[in-house]
Amino acid sequence: MGVLSDYFVADPTAVAQLDTDQLALVQPRIDAKGFGMIPLEAVAKRLGVTAFEPGPPEIHGPDYEWFVLPLTPALVAALAKLSPEAVAAHAEGVAPIPELEWTPAEVTRVLDALVKLAAGAGSARLYLWTSV
């Protein structure tokens, strides 16, 4: 089994107080399968922003078997503005990276969902939850 990746929108204060089971219930959320840190960094690079702040995750399991990372505000803003044409272009560029090897249609599905989450985030943050 590979890396699991979910993206969700939540208030930062609330996220810091949630346990593992509660984190799994936070909505809105998308199941992005293996579209985790490396593919998201590839998208961010194409958008001219960084995906994550440097440093270790503040929210994580005992042995880092899972962790939560907030996406940078710059990435969330850039995602929220993507047109369907831009999503398709970025999907074409990101799909063949070795860490992903998805079809452009599979990447488009995740990017479309991320655009919707980013556009609806408001004052909340967009997070990546990942588990190995």
N, C-alpha and C. Protein backbone atom coordinates (compact mmCIF):
# COMPACT_ATOMS: atom_id res chain seq x y z
N MET A 1 0.84 -1.17 0.00
CA MET A 1 0.00 0.00 0.00
C MET A 1 0.89 1.23 0.00
N GLY A 2 0.47 2.27 -0.73
CA GLY A 2 1.26 3.48 -0.84
C GLY A 2 0.88 4.50 0.20
N VAL A 3 1.24 5.72 -0.09
CA VAL A 3 0.96 6.83 0.80
C VAL A 3 -0.49 7.27 0.61
N LEU A 4 -1.19 7.50 1.70
CA LEU A 4 -2.56 8.02 1.65
C LEU A 4 -2.51 9.52 1.84
N SER A 5 -3.34 10.24 1.12
CA SER A 5 -3.35 11.70 1.20
C SER A 5 -4.78 12.20 1.16
N ASP A 6 -5.13 13.03 2.12
CA ASP A 6 -6.41 13.73 2.13
C ASP A 6 -6.12 15.22 2.28
N TYR A 7 -7.01 16.03 1.75
CA TYR A 7 -6.94 17.48 1.94
C TYR A 7 -8.23 17.90 2.61
N PHE A 8 -8.12 18.83 3.56
CA PHE A 8 -9.32 19.31 4.24
C PHE A 8 -9.15 20.76 4.64
N VAL A 9 -10.28 21.41 4.88
CA VAL A 9 -10.32 22.81 5.29
C VAL A 9 -10.77 22.85 6.74
N ALA A 10 -10.04 23.63 7.56
CA ALA A 10 -10.41 23.73 8.98
C ALA A 10 -9.78 24.97 9.59
N ASP A 11 -10.32 25.35 10.73
CA ASP A 11 -9.76 26.43 11.52
C ASP A 11 -8.47 25.94 12.17
N PRO A 12 -7.38 26.70 12.09
CA PRO A 12 -6.10 26.24 12.65
C PRO A 12 -6.15 25.93 14.15
N THR A 13 -6.89 26.71 14.90
CA THR A 13 -6.98 26.47 16.34
C THR A 13 -7.66 25.14 16.62
N ALA A 14 -8.69 24.83 15.87
CA ALA A 14 -9.41 23.57 16.07
C ALA A 14 -8.56 22.37 15.68
N VAL A 15 -7.82 22.49 14.58
CA VAL A 15 -7.00 21.36 14.09
C VAL A 15 -5.98 20.95 15.13
N ALA A 16 -5.36 21.90 15.78
CA ALA A 16 -4.32 21.60 16.76
C ALA A 16 -4.85 20.80 17.95
N GLN A 17 -6.15 20.84 18.18
CA GLN A 17 -6.74 20.17 19.34
C GLN A 17 -7.39 18.83 19.01
N LEU A 18 -7.35 18.42 17.74
CA LEU A 18 -8.02 17.19 17.35
C LEU A 18 -7.11 15.98 17.49
N ASP A 19 -7.70 14.84 17.86
CA ASP A 19 -6.94 13.60 17.87
C ASP A 19 -7.07 12.91 16.51
N THR A 20 -6.43 11.79 16.35
CA THR A 20 -6.39 11.08 15.06
C THR A 20 -7.79 10.78 14.54
N ASP A 21 -8.65 10.24 15.37
CA ASP A 21 -10.00 9.89 14.93
C ASP A 21 -10.80 11.12 14.53
N GLN A 22 -10.65 12.20 15.28
CA GLN A 22 -11.38 13.42 14.96
C GLN A 22 -10.88 14.05 13.66
N LEU A 23 -9.58 13.98 13.42
CA LEU A 23 -9.03 14.53 12.18
C LEU A 23 -9.65 13.87 10.95
N ALA A 24 -9.95 12.59 11.06
CA ALA A 24 -10.53 11.86 9.93
C ALA A 24 -11.95 12.31 9.60
N LEU A 25 -12.58 13.03 10.52
CA LEU A 25 -13.97 13.44 10.33
C LEU A 25 -14.12 14.88 9.85
N VAL A 26 -13.03 15.64 9.81
CA VAL A 26 -13.11 17.05 9.43
C VAL A 26 -13.60 17.17 7.99
N GLN A 27 -14.58 18.03 7.79
CA GLN A 27 -15.14 18.32 6.47
C GLN A 27 -15.12 19.83 6.24
N PRO A 28 -15.03 20.31 5.02
CA PRO A 28 -14.94 19.57 3.76
C PRO A 28 -13.57 18.92 3.59
N ARG A 29 -13.56 17.82 2.85
CA ARG A 29 -12.36 17.00 2.71
C ARG A 29 -12.43 16.27 1.38
N ILE A 30 -11.25 16.01 0.79
CA ILE A 30 -11.18 15.15 -0.39
C ILE A 30 -10.16 14.06 -0.15
N ASP A 31 -10.44 12.89 -0.68
CA ASP A 31 -9.50 11.76 -0.66
C ASP A 31 -8.69 11.86 -1.94
N ALA A 32 -7.42 12.17 -1.81
CA ALA A 32 -6.57 12.39 -2.97
C ALA A 32 -5.64 11.21 -3.24
N LYS A 33 -5.91 10.07 -2.60
CA LYS A 33 -5.08 8.86 -2.77
C LYS A 33 -3.61 9.21 -2.56
N GLY A 34 -2.78 9.06 -3.57
CA GLY A 34 -1.35 9.30 -3.44
C GLY A 34 -0.89 10.67 -3.89
N PHE A 35 -1.83 11.61 -4.06
CA PHE A 35 -1.46 12.96 -4.49
C PHE A 35 -1.08 13.76 -3.25
N GLY A 36 0.16 13.54 -2.79
CA GLY A 36 0.62 14.11 -1.54
C GLY A 36 1.62 15.23 -1.72
N MET A 37 2.65 15.20 -0.89
CA MET A 37 3.61 16.30 -0.83
C MET A 37 4.33 16.55 -2.15
N ILE A 38 4.89 15.53 -2.74
CA ILE A 38 5.71 15.73 -3.94
C ILE A 38 4.87 16.22 -5.12
N PRO A 39 3.74 15.59 -5.43
CA PRO A 39 2.93 16.14 -6.52
C PRO A 39 2.44 17.56 -6.24
N LEU A 40 2.07 17.84 -4.98
CA LEU A 40 1.60 19.18 -4.66
C LEU A 40 2.73 20.19 -4.79
N GLU A 41 3.95 19.82 -4.38
CA GLU A 41 5.11 20.69 -4.58
C GLU A 41 5.32 20.97 -6.07
N ALA A 42 5.10 19.96 -6.92
CA ALA A 42 5.24 20.15 -8.36
C ALA A 42 4.22 21.15 -8.88
N VAL A 43 3.00 21.08 -8.40
CA VAL A 43 1.97 22.05 -8.78
C VAL A 43 2.37 23.44 -8.30
N ALA A 44 2.79 23.53 -7.04
CA ALA A 44 3.19 24.82 -6.47
C ALA A 44 4.32 25.45 -7.27
N LYS A 45 5.30 24.65 -7.65
CA LYS A 45 6.43 25.15 -8.44
C LYS A 45 5.93 25.72 -9.76
N ARG A 46 5.01 25.03 -10.41
CA ARG A 46 4.44 25.51 -11.67
C ARG A 46 3.69 26.83 -11.46
N LEU A 47 3.14 27.03 -10.26
CA LEU A 47 2.40 28.25 -9.95
C LEU A 47 3.30 29.36 -9.41
N GLY A 48 4.58 29.05 -9.18
CA GLY A 48 5.52 30.05 -8.69
C GLY A 48 5.41 30.35 -7.21
N VAL A 49 4.92 29.38 -6.44
CA VAL A 49 4.79 29.55 -4.99
C VAL A 49 5.35 28.30 -4.31
N THR A 50 5.42 28.34 -2.98
CA THR A 50 5.81 27.14 -2.23
C THR A 50 4.55 26.48 -1.68
N ALA A 51 4.61 25.18 -1.51
CA ALA A 51 3.44 24.43 -1.04
C ALA A 51 3.31 24.44 0.48
N PHE A 52 4.45 24.31 1.16
CA PHE A 52 4.44 24.16 2.62
C PHE A 52 5.49 25.06 3.24
N GLU A 53 5.25 25.45 4.49
CA GLU A 53 6.26 26.18 5.25
C GLU A 53 7.37 25.21 5.62
N PRO A 54 8.62 25.68 5.71
CA PRO A 54 9.70 24.77 6.10
C PRO A 54 9.55 24.31 7.55
N GLY A 55 10.14 23.17 7.83
CA GLY A 55 10.14 22.66 9.20
C GLY A 55 9.28 21.42 9.34
N PRO A 56 9.39 20.76 10.49
CA PRO A 56 8.63 19.52 10.71
C PRO A 56 7.15 19.83 10.95
N PRO A 57 6.30 18.85 10.71
CA PRO A 57 4.87 19.05 10.96
C PRO A 57 4.61 19.22 12.46
N GLU A 58 3.73 20.15 12.78
CA GLU A 58 3.37 20.37 14.18
C GLU A 58 2.35 19.34 14.67
N ILE A 59 1.58 18.78 13.75
CA ILE A 59 0.56 17.80 14.10
C ILE A 59 0.96 16.48 13.45
N HIS A 60 1.14 15.44 14.28
CA HIS A 60 1.61 14.16 13.74
C HIS A 60 1.34 13.03 14.72
N GLY A 61 1.42 11.80 14.19
CA GLY A 61 1.31 10.62 15.02
C GLY A 61 2.58 10.41 15.82
N PRO A 62 2.58 9.47 16.77
CA PRO A 62 3.73 9.25 17.64
C PRO A 62 5.04 9.00 16.90
N ASP A 63 4.99 8.27 15.83
CA ASP A 63 6.21 7.97 15.06
C ASP A 63 6.15 8.57 13.66
N TYR A 64 5.38 9.63 13.52
CA TYR A 64 5.20 10.31 12.22
C TYR A 64 4.61 9.37 11.17
N GLU A 65 3.85 8.35 11.61
CA GLU A 65 3.20 7.47 10.65
C GLU A 65 2.09 8.21 9.90
N TRP A 66 1.62 9.31 10.47
CA TRP A 66 0.73 10.24 9.80
C TRP A 66 1.10 11.64 10.27
N PHE A 67 0.79 12.62 9.45
CA PHE A 67 1.02 14.01 9.85
C PHE A 67 0.12 14.93 9.04
N VAL A 68 -0.01 16.15 9.54
CA VAL A 68 -0.84 17.16 8.91
C VAL A 68 0.02 18.39 8.64
N LEU A 69 -0.07 18.90 7.41
CA LEU A 69 0.67 20.09 7.03
C LEU A 69 -0.29 21.13 6.46
N PRO A 70 -0.20 22.39 6.91
CA PRO A 70 -1.00 23.43 6.28
C PRO A 70 -0.37 23.84 4.95
N LEU A 71 -1.20 24.06 3.94
CA LEU A 71 -0.70 24.60 2.69
C LEU A 71 -0.44 26.09 2.89
N THR A 72 0.53 26.63 2.18
CA THR A 72 0.81 28.06 2.33
C THR A 72 -0.37 28.89 1.82
N PRO A 73 -0.59 30.06 2.41
CA PRO A 73 -1.64 30.94 1.90
C PRO A 73 -1.43 31.29 0.42
N ALA A 74 -0.17 31.42 0.00
CA ALA A 74 0.09 31.74 -1.41
C ALA A 74 -0.39 30.62 -2.33
N LEU A 75 -0.17 29.37 -1.93
CA LEU A 75 -0.64 28.25 -2.75
C LEU A 75 -2.16 28.19 -2.76
N VAL A 76 -2.78 28.38 -1.62
CA VAL A 76 -4.24 28.33 -1.55
C VAL A 76 -4.84 29.43 -2.45
N ALA A 77 -4.27 30.63 -2.39
CA ALA A 77 -4.76 31.72 -3.24
C ALA A 77 -4.57 31.40 -4.72
N ALA A 78 -3.42 30.84 -5.07
CA ALA A 78 -3.16 30.49 -6.47
C ALA A 78 -4.10 29.39 -6.95
N LEU A 79 -4.33 28.38 -6.12
CA LEU A 79 -5.25 27.31 -6.50
C LEU A 79 -6.67 27.85 -6.69
N ALA A 80 -7.10 28.73 -5.80
CA ALA A 80 -8.46 29.25 -5.84
C ALA A 80 -8.75 30.00 -7.14
N LYS A 81 -7.72 30.52 -7.78
CA LYS A 81 -7.89 31.32 -9.00
C LYS A 81 -7.75 30.52 -10.29
N LEU A 82 -7.44 29.23 -10.20
CA LEU A 82 -7.19 28.45 -11.41
C LEU A 82 -8.47 28.24 -12.22
N SER A 83 -8.36 28.51 -13.50
CA SER A 83 -9.45 28.24 -14.43
C SER A 83 -9.42 26.77 -14.82
N PRO A 84 -10.51 26.25 -15.38
CA PRO A 84 -10.49 24.87 -15.86
C PRO A 84 -9.37 24.61 -16.88
N GLU A 85 -9.08 25.59 -17.72
CA GLU A 85 -8.00 25.43 -18.70
C GLU A 85 -6.64 25.34 -18.02
N ALA A 86 -6.45 26.16 -16.98
CA ALA A 86 -5.18 26.12 -16.25
C ALA A 86 -5.04 24.81 -15.49
N VAL A 87 -6.14 24.32 -14.92
CA VAL A 87 -6.11 23.02 -14.23
C VAL A 87 -5.66 21.94 -15.20
N ALA A 88 -6.24 21.94 -16.40
CA ALA A 88 -5.89 20.93 -17.40
C ALA A 88 -4.41 21.03 -17.79
N ALA A 89 -3.92 22.25 -17.96
CA ALA A 89 -2.51 22.43 -18.33
C ALA A 89 -1.58 21.95 -17.22
N HIS A 90 -1.89 22.27 -15.98
CA HIS A 90 -1.06 21.82 -14.86
C HIS A 90 -1.15 20.31 -14.67
N ALA A 91 -2.31 19.75 -14.91
CA ALA A 91 -2.47 18.30 -14.82
C ALA A 91 -1.59 17.60 -15.84
N GLU A 92 -1.53 18.12 -17.04
CA GLU A 92 -0.66 17.55 -18.09
C GLU A 92 0.81 17.59 -17.65
N GLY A 93 1.21 18.68 -17.00
CA GLY A 93 2.60 18.84 -16.59
C GLY A 93 2.99 18.00 -15.39
N VAL A 94 2.05 17.76 -14.50
CA VAL A 94 2.35 17.05 -13.25
C VAL A 94 2.14 15.54 -13.36
N ALA A 95 1.22 15.11 -14.20
CA ALA A 95 0.87 13.69 -14.29
C ALA A 95 2.07 12.76 -14.48
N PRO A 96 3.05 13.10 -15.32
CA PRO A 96 4.12 12.13 -15.56
C PRO A 96 5.26 12.10 -14.54
N ILE A 97 5.20 12.91 -13.47
CA ILE A 97 6.34 12.89 -12.55
C ILE A 97 6.48 11.48 -11.96
N PRO A 98 7.71 11.02 -11.74
CA PRO A 98 7.94 9.64 -11.30
C PRO A 98 7.23 9.27 -10.00
N GLU A 99 7.07 10.22 -9.10
CA GLU A 99 6.44 9.93 -7.81
C GLU A 99 4.92 9.76 -7.94
N LEU A 100 4.38 10.06 -9.10
CA LEU A 100 2.93 10.01 -9.28
C LEU A 100 2.53 9.04 -10.39
N GLU A 101 2.97 9.34 -11.59
CA GLU A 101 2.65 8.53 -12.77
C GLU A 101 1.15 8.27 -12.91
N TRP A 102 0.37 9.32 -12.80
CA TRP A 102 -1.06 9.26 -13.02
C TRP A 102 -1.36 9.74 -14.43
N THR A 103 -2.58 9.55 -14.86
CA THR A 103 -3.02 10.14 -16.12
C THR A 103 -3.38 11.60 -15.87
N PRO A 104 -3.35 12.44 -16.90
CA PRO A 104 -3.80 13.82 -16.71
C PRO A 104 -5.24 13.90 -16.18
N ALA A 105 -6.09 12.97 -16.59
CA ALA A 105 -7.48 12.98 -16.10
C ALA A 105 -7.54 12.74 -14.59
N GLU A 106 -6.69 11.85 -14.08
CA GLU A 106 -6.65 11.58 -12.64
C GLU A 106 -6.16 12.81 -11.87
N VAL A 107 -5.14 13.48 -12.40
CA VAL A 107 -4.63 14.69 -11.75
C VAL A 107 -5.67 15.79 -11.82
N THR A 108 -6.35 15.91 -12.95
CA THR A 108 -7.39 16.93 -13.10
C THR A 108 -8.48 16.75 -12.05
N ARG A 109 -8.87 15.51 -11.78
CA ARG A 109 -9.89 15.24 -10.77
C ARG A 109 -9.48 15.80 -9.41
N VAL A 110 -8.23 15.55 -9.02
CA VAL A 110 -7.75 16.04 -7.72
C VAL A 110 -7.59 17.56 -7.74
N LEU A 111 -7.00 18.10 -8.80
CA LEU A 111 -6.82 19.56 -8.87
C LEU A 111 -8.16 20.29 -8.87
N ASP A 112 -9.14 19.78 -9.59
CA ASP A 112 -10.47 20.40 -9.56
C ASP A 112 -11.02 20.45 -8.14
N ALA A 113 -10.87 19.36 -7.41
CA ALA A 113 -11.35 19.31 -6.03
C ALA A 113 -10.56 20.26 -5.13
N LEU A 114 -9.25 20.35 -5.34
CA LEU A 114 -8.42 21.27 -4.56
C LEU A 114 -8.79 22.72 -4.84
N VAL A 115 -9.08 23.04 -6.10
CA VAL A 115 -9.50 24.39 -6.47
C VAL A 115 -10.78 24.75 -5.71
N LYS A 116 -11.72 23.83 -5.64
CA LYS A 116 -12.97 24.08 -4.93
C LYS A 116 -12.73 24.26 -3.43
N LEU A 117 -11.88 23.41 -2.85
CA LEU A 117 -11.56 23.57 -1.42
C LEU A 117 -10.89 24.92 -1.17
N ALA A 118 -9.92 25.27 -2.01
CA ALA A 118 -9.19 26.53 -1.84
C ALA A 118 -10.13 27.72 -1.98
N ALA A 119 -11.00 27.68 -2.97
CA ALA A 119 -11.92 28.79 -3.20
C ALA A 119 -12.90 28.96 -2.04
N GLY A 120 -13.23 27.89 -1.37
CA GLY A 120 -14.18 27.95 -0.26
C GLY A 120 -13.55 28.05 1.12
N ALA A 121 -12.23 28.14 1.18
CA ALA A 121 -11.55 28.11 2.49
C ALA A 121 -11.83 29.34 3.34
N GLY A 122 -12.00 30.49 2.73
CA GLY A 122 -12.24 31.71 3.50
C GLY A 122 -11.11 31.96 4.48
N SER A 123 -11.44 32.18 5.75
CA SER A 123 -10.41 32.45 6.76
C SER A 123 -9.82 31.17 7.35
N ALA A 124 -10.35 30.03 6.97
CA ALA A 124 -9.81 28.75 7.45
C ALA A 124 -8.56 28.40 6.64
N ARG A 125 -7.89 27.33 7.00
CA ARG A 125 -6.69 26.87 6.29
C ARG A 125 -7.00 25.59 5.53
N LEU A 126 -6.23 25.36 4.49
CA LEU A 126 -6.30 24.12 3.73
C LEU A 126 -5.12 23.27 4.17
N TYR A 127 -5.39 22.02 4.52
CA TYR A 127 -4.38 21.11 5.07
C TYR A 127 -4.24 19.86 4.23
N LEU A 128 -3.03 19.30 4.28
CA LEU A 128 -2.77 17.96 3.76
C LEU A 128 -2.59 17.04 4.95
N TRP A 129 -3.37 15.95 4.98
CA TRP A 129 -3.16 14.86 5.94
C TRP A 129 -2.57 13.73 5.13
N THR A 130 -1.48 13.15 5.61
CA THR A 130 -0.87 12.04 4.89
C THR A 130 -0.46 10.95 5.86
N SER A 131 -0.53 9.72 5.38
CA SER A 131 -0.18 8.56 6.19
C SER A 131 0.60 7.58 5.33
N VAL A 132 1.64 7.02 5.93
CA VAL A 132 2.46 6.05 5.20
C VAL A 132 2.23 4.64 5.71
